[in-house]
Amino acid sequence: MESKKRLIIGMTGATGAIYGVRILQVLADFSDWETHLVISTAGLVNLKYELDRGKTMLYQLADVTHGINDIASAIASGSFKTEGMIIAPCSMKTLAAVAHGFGDNLISRSADVVLKERRRLVIIPRETPLNLAHIRNMATVTEMGAIVFPPMPAFYNKSDSIMTMVDEGVGRILDFFDIKTEGLYQPWEGL
């Protein structure tokens, strides 16, 4: 029996909880993938505020959940094989922690593990406007091998709803892990 591919999903208190939720919803349809969710306390507050949803609903979307302070968790070790990690949304605090190797909770520790093991880390930062510290931290994680993917919608597909724009971003994010999501977005094919 083939083992499932594992993907860590981190969610922080930045605005954009819909991205983390939608990624988990989409991945639930892929039986060959196992999702490992960790969400910060501020992420839970934001989930309730933005989507009027709680921890129970979110945890039902993931295959495995981990506490934010559970540094002894499997995903805190490089010997636990994963395909990588997505932090969606990623606060500037978490970005700074990742950029400077400050593994003070399970999200930043897991990201550190992903980077040191040379696995794929995709960071979905949510802040605007950006100050110089934010830009430098984005450059630092990029130099470390992470992919910084601000959730900026494309307008060439003439999206007519927020969910269409979210799906377009989610499809592109999952494409970094070779997860083909038919219908979530239309790649640009030229004019």
Foldseek 3Di string as FASTA:
>chain_A
DDAAAEEEEEEELFAFLVLSQVLLQLCLVPPRYAYEYEYDPNRQVNCCVPVVDGDVVSVVSHNHYDYFAPCVDPLLALVNDHQYYEYGADELVLLLCCLVVNCRTSVSSSNVSCLVNVHEYEYAYDDPPDDPSSVVSQVSVVVSPYHYDHLDFDPPVVDDDPQLSSLQSSQVVCVVSVDHDPPSHDDDDDD
